[in-house]
Amino acid sequence: MRVTEKGQVTIPKEIRDRLKIGPGSEVDFVVSDDGVRLVRLDDSKQDYKSFEEWAESVKGTWDLGGMTTDEYIDWLRGPRDDLDRR
């Protein structure tokens, strides 16, 4: 891969497709001792355009076993041994 006078390189199509990099995408270069990595930065043009759209797409996929949300969170966190001495 050759660098132009302006310091530009062409990202191969296979990599652009895999990382979903298109015109206007934001990328960054991460430097380490053994080289440089190109990473795609997250932006507002994600697969899901909004939290509401994502929430609707996963609606009904969690089975709480009949528990309310508060009961589930309490179960998930478990007893607080330092406060709940039963």
N, C-alpha and C. Protein backbone atom coordinates (compact mmCIF):
# COMPACT_ATOMS: atom_id res chain seq x y z
N MET A 1 0.85 -1.16 0.00
CA MET A 1 0.00 0.00 0.00
C MET A 1 0.90 1.23 0.00
N ARG A 2 0.60 2.17 -0.85
CA ARG A 2 1.44 3.36 -1.00
C ARG A 2 0.74 4.57 -0.40
N VAL A 3 1.51 5.41 0.27
CA VAL A 3 1.00 6.65 0.86
C VAL A 3 1.18 7.78 -0.16
N THR A 4 0.12 8.59 -0.36
CA THR A 4 0.20 9.71 -1.31
C THR A 4 0.96 10.88 -0.69
N GLU A 5 1.21 11.91 -1.51
CA GLU A 5 1.89 13.11 -1.02
C GLU A 5 1.12 13.76 0.13
N LYS A 6 -0.19 13.60 0.11
CA LYS A 6 -1.03 14.20 1.16
C LYS A 6 -1.17 13.28 2.38
N GLY A 7 -0.45 12.16 2.38
CA GLY A 7 -0.51 11.24 3.52
C GLY A 7 -1.72 10.33 3.50
N GLN A 8 -2.34 10.15 2.34
CA GLN A 8 -3.54 9.34 2.24
C GLN A 8 -3.22 7.93 1.77
N VAL A 9 -4.04 7.00 2.22
CA VAL A 9 -3.98 5.62 1.73
C VAL A 9 -5.40 5.19 1.40
N THR A 10 -5.52 4.22 0.52
CA THR A 10 -6.83 3.67 0.19
C THR A 10 -7.06 2.44 1.06
N ILE A 11 -8.16 2.44 1.80
CA ILE A 11 -8.52 1.27 2.61
C ILE A 11 -9.12 0.25 1.65
N PRO A 12 -8.59 -0.97 1.61
CA PRO A 12 -9.13 -1.98 0.70
C PRO A 12 -10.62 -2.22 0.93
N LYS A 13 -11.35 -2.46 -0.17
CA LYS A 13 -12.80 -2.63 -0.11
C LYS A 13 -13.21 -3.71 0.88
N GLU A 14 -12.49 -4.83 0.91
CA GLU A 14 -12.82 -5.93 1.83
C GLU A 14 -12.82 -5.44 3.28
N ILE A 15 -11.86 -4.63 3.64
CA ILE A 15 -11.78 -4.09 5.00
C ILE A 15 -12.88 -3.07 5.24
N ARG A 16 -13.12 -2.18 4.25
CA ARG A 16 -14.20 -1.19 4.39
C ARG A 16 -15.53 -1.88 4.59
N ASP A 17 -15.79 -2.93 3.82
CA ASP A 17 -17.05 -3.66 3.94
C ASP A 17 -17.16 -4.34 5.30
N ARG A 18 -16.09 -4.97 5.73
CA ARG A 18 -16.11 -5.70 7.00
C ARG A 18 -16.33 -4.77 8.19
N LEU A 19 -15.70 -3.58 8.15
CA LEU A 19 -15.84 -2.62 9.25
C LEU A 19 -16.97 -1.63 9.04
N LYS A 20 -17.70 -1.80 7.94
CA LYS A 20 -18.81 -0.90 7.60
C LYS A 20 -18.34 0.55 7.55
N ILE A 21 -17.25 0.75 6.84
CA ILE A 21 -16.69 2.09 6.64
C ILE A 21 -17.13 2.59 5.27
N GLY A 22 -17.78 3.73 5.27
CA GLY A 22 -18.22 4.32 4.02
C GLY A 22 -17.88 5.80 4.00
N PRO A 23 -18.28 6.49 2.94
CA PRO A 23 -18.02 7.92 2.87
C PRO A 23 -18.58 8.64 4.09
N GLY A 24 -17.78 9.45 4.72
CA GLY A 24 -18.21 10.18 5.91
C GLY A 24 -17.99 9.44 7.22
N SER A 25 -17.59 8.16 7.15
CA SER A 25 -17.32 7.40 8.38
C SER A 25 -16.13 8.00 9.11
N GLU A 26 -16.17 7.93 10.43
CA GLU A 26 -15.06 8.41 11.25
C GLU A 26 -14.18 7.22 11.62
N VAL A 27 -12.88 7.37 11.42
CA VAL A 27 -11.92 6.34 11.79
C VAL A 27 -10.81 6.97 12.63
N ASP A 28 -10.06 6.13 13.31
CA ASP A 28 -8.94 6.61 14.10
C ASP A 28 -7.79 5.63 13.93
N PHE A 29 -6.59 6.11 14.17
CA PHE A 29 -5.40 5.28 14.13
C PHE A 29 -4.90 5.10 15.56
N VAL A 30 -4.73 3.84 15.96
CA VAL A 30 -4.25 3.52 17.30
C VAL A 30 -2.82 3.02 17.16
N VAL A 31 -1.90 3.75 17.75
CA VAL A 31 -0.47 3.44 17.63
C VAL A 31 -0.03 2.56 18.80
N SER A 32 0.72 1.50 18.49
CA SER A 32 1.30 0.65 19.53
C SER A 32 2.76 0.42 19.18
N ASP A 33 3.47 -0.31 20.03
CA ASP A 33 4.89 -0.56 19.78
C ASP A 33 5.15 -1.33 18.49
N ASP A 34 4.19 -2.18 18.10
CA ASP A 34 4.42 -3.02 16.92
C ASP A 34 3.69 -2.55 15.67
N GLY A 35 3.10 -1.36 15.69
CA GLY A 35 2.45 -0.87 14.48
C GLY A 35 1.28 0.06 14.77
N VAL A 36 0.38 0.10 13.81
CA VAL A 36 -0.78 0.99 13.88
C VAL A 36 -2.02 0.18 13.53
N ARG A 37 -3.12 0.45 14.24
CA ARG A 37 -4.41 -0.17 13.92
C ARG A 37 -5.37 0.91 13.47
N LEU A 38 -6.18 0.60 12.48
CA LEU A 38 -7.25 1.47 12.05
C LEU A 38 -8.53 0.98 12.71
N VAL A 39 -9.23 1.86 13.40
CA VAL A 39 -10.48 1.48 14.05
C VAL A 39 -11.58 2.43 13.60
N ARG A 40 -12.76 1.87 13.41
CA ARG A 40 -13.93 2.67 13.07
C ARG A 40 -14.49 3.24 14.35
N LEU A 41 -14.75 4.53 14.36
CA LEU A 41 -15.34 5.16 15.53
C LEU A 41 -16.85 5.03 15.45
N ASP A 42 -17.47 4.81 16.61
CA ASP A 42 -18.93 4.75 16.65
C ASP A 42 -19.49 6.13 16.36
N ASP A 43 -20.58 6.16 15.62
CA ASP A 43 -21.23 7.43 15.36
C ASP A 43 -22.73 7.24 15.36
N SER A 44 -23.46 8.26 15.05
CA SER A 44 -24.92 8.19 15.12
C SER A 44 -25.50 7.35 13.99
N LYS A 45 -24.68 6.95 13.02
CA LYS A 45 -25.17 6.15 11.90
C LYS A 45 -24.94 4.67 12.16
N GLN A 46 -25.33 4.20 13.32
CA GLN A 46 -25.18 2.80 13.70
C GLN A 46 -26.26 1.98 13.01
N ASP A 47 -26.19 0.65 13.19
CA ASP A 47 -27.25 -0.21 12.67
C ASP A 47 -28.59 0.18 13.26
N TYR A 48 -28.59 0.59 14.51
CA TYR A 48 -29.79 1.08 15.15
C TYR A 48 -29.67 2.59 15.26
N LYS A 49 -30.60 3.33 14.68
CA LYS A 49 -30.51 4.78 14.66
C LYS A 49 -30.85 5.40 16.00
N SER A 50 -31.54 4.68 16.87
CA SER A 50 -31.91 5.26 18.16
C SER A 50 -32.07 4.14 19.19
N PHE A 51 -32.03 4.54 20.45
CA PHE A 51 -32.24 3.57 21.51
C PHE A 51 -33.63 2.96 21.41
N GLU A 52 -34.62 3.79 21.10
CA GLU A 52 -35.99 3.31 20.99
C GLU A 52 -36.13 2.24 19.91
N GLU A 53 -35.45 2.44 18.79
CA GLU A 53 -35.48 1.46 17.71
C GLU A 53 -34.84 0.14 18.16
N TRP A 54 -33.72 0.24 18.88
CA TRP A 54 -33.07 -0.97 19.40
C TRP A 54 -33.98 -1.67 20.41
N ALA A 55 -34.55 -0.90 21.34
CA ALA A 55 -35.40 -1.48 22.38
C ALA A 55 -36.59 -2.21 21.75
N GLU A 56 -37.17 -1.62 20.73
CA GLU A 56 -38.30 -2.26 20.06
C GLU A 56 -37.86 -3.56 19.39
N SER A 57 -36.65 -3.60 18.85
CA SER A 57 -36.18 -4.79 18.15
C SER A 57 -35.90 -5.96 19.09
N VAL A 58 -35.63 -5.70 20.36
CA VAL A 58 -35.34 -6.77 21.31
C VAL A 58 -36.50 -7.00 22.28
N LYS A 59 -37.58 -6.32 22.07
CA LYS A 59 -38.75 -6.43 22.95
C LYS A 59 -39.20 -7.89 23.03
N GLY A 60 -39.41 -8.36 24.27
CA GLY A 60 -39.89 -9.71 24.49
C GLY A 60 -38.82 -10.80 24.44
N THR A 61 -37.56 -10.44 24.35
CA THR A 61 -36.51 -11.45 24.26
C THR A 61 -35.96 -11.86 25.61
N TRP A 62 -36.28 -11.13 26.66
CA TRP A 62 -35.81 -11.47 28.00
C TRP A 62 -36.94 -12.10 28.79
N ASP A 63 -36.68 -13.26 29.37
CA ASP A 63 -37.67 -13.94 30.20
C ASP A 63 -37.27 -13.76 31.65
N LEU A 64 -38.05 -12.98 32.38
CA LEU A 64 -37.74 -12.70 33.78
C LEU A 64 -38.37 -13.72 34.72
N GLY A 65 -38.93 -14.78 34.17
CA GLY A 65 -39.51 -15.82 35.01
C GLY A 65 -40.66 -15.33 35.87
N GLY A 66 -41.43 -14.38 35.37
CA GLY A 66 -42.56 -13.85 36.12
C GLY A 66 -42.20 -12.77 37.12
N MET A 67 -40.91 -12.45 37.26
CA MET A 67 -40.49 -11.42 38.22
C MET A 67 -40.73 -10.03 37.64
N THR A 68 -40.96 -9.09 38.54
CA THR A 68 -40.99 -7.69 38.11
C THR A 68 -39.55 -7.26 37.85
N THR A 69 -39.39 -6.12 37.23
CA THR A 69 -38.05 -5.62 36.97
C THR A 69 -37.27 -5.42 38.27
N ASP A 70 -37.92 -4.85 39.29
CA ASP A 70 -37.25 -4.64 40.58
C ASP A 70 -36.85 -5.96 41.22
N GLU A 71 -37.74 -6.97 41.16
CA GLU A 71 -37.41 -8.28 41.72
C GLU A 71 -36.23 -8.91 40.96
N TYR A 72 -36.22 -8.75 39.66
CA TYR A 72 -35.14 -9.30 38.84
C TYR A 72 -33.81 -8.64 39.19
N ILE A 73 -33.80 -7.33 39.34
CA ILE A 73 -32.57 -6.62 39.70
C ILE A 73 -32.08 -7.06 41.07
N ASP A 74 -33.00 -7.20 42.04
CA ASP A 74 -32.61 -7.69 43.37
C ASP A 74 -32.02 -9.10 43.28
N TRP A 75 -32.65 -9.97 42.47
CA TRP A 75 -32.15 -11.33 42.30
C TRP A 75 -30.77 -11.30 41.64
N LEU A 76 -30.62 -10.47 40.63
CA LEU A 76 -29.36 -10.38 39.89
C LEU A 76 -28.22 -9.91 40.78
N ARG A 77 -28.49 -8.92 41.60
CA ARG A 77 -27.46 -8.37 42.49
C ARG A 77 -27.15 -9.31 43.65
N GLY A 78 -28.11 -10.09 44.06
CA GLY A 78 -27.90 -11.00 45.18
C GLY A 78 -27.97 -10.27 46.51
N PRO A 79 -27.94 -11.04 47.61
CA PRO A 79 -28.02 -10.41 48.93
C PRO A 79 -26.78 -9.59 49.23
N ARG A 80 -26.99 -8.52 49.93
CA ARG A 80 -25.86 -7.69 50.39
C ARG A 80 -25.48 -8.18 51.78
N ASP A 81 -24.49 -9.03 51.84
CA ASP A 81 -24.09 -9.63 53.11
C ASP A 81 -23.71 -8.58 54.14
N ASP A 82 -23.21 -7.45 53.69
CA ASP A 82 -22.81 -6.42 54.64
C ASP A 82 -24.01 -5.67 55.22
N LEU A 83 -25.18 -5.77 54.55
CA LEU A 83 -26.37 -5.08 55.04
C LEU A 83 -27.49 -6.03 55.41
N ASP A 84 -27.55 -7.18 54.77
CA ASP A 84 -28.67 -8.10 54.90
C ASP A 84 -28.22 -9.36 55.63
N ARG A 85 -28.19 -9.31 56.94
CA ARG A 85 -27.70 -10.44 57.74
C ARG A 85 -28.85 -11.36 58.12
N ARG A 86 -29.18 -12.29 57.26
CA ARG A 86 -30.28 -13.23 57.52
C ARG A 86 -29.76 -14.57 57.91
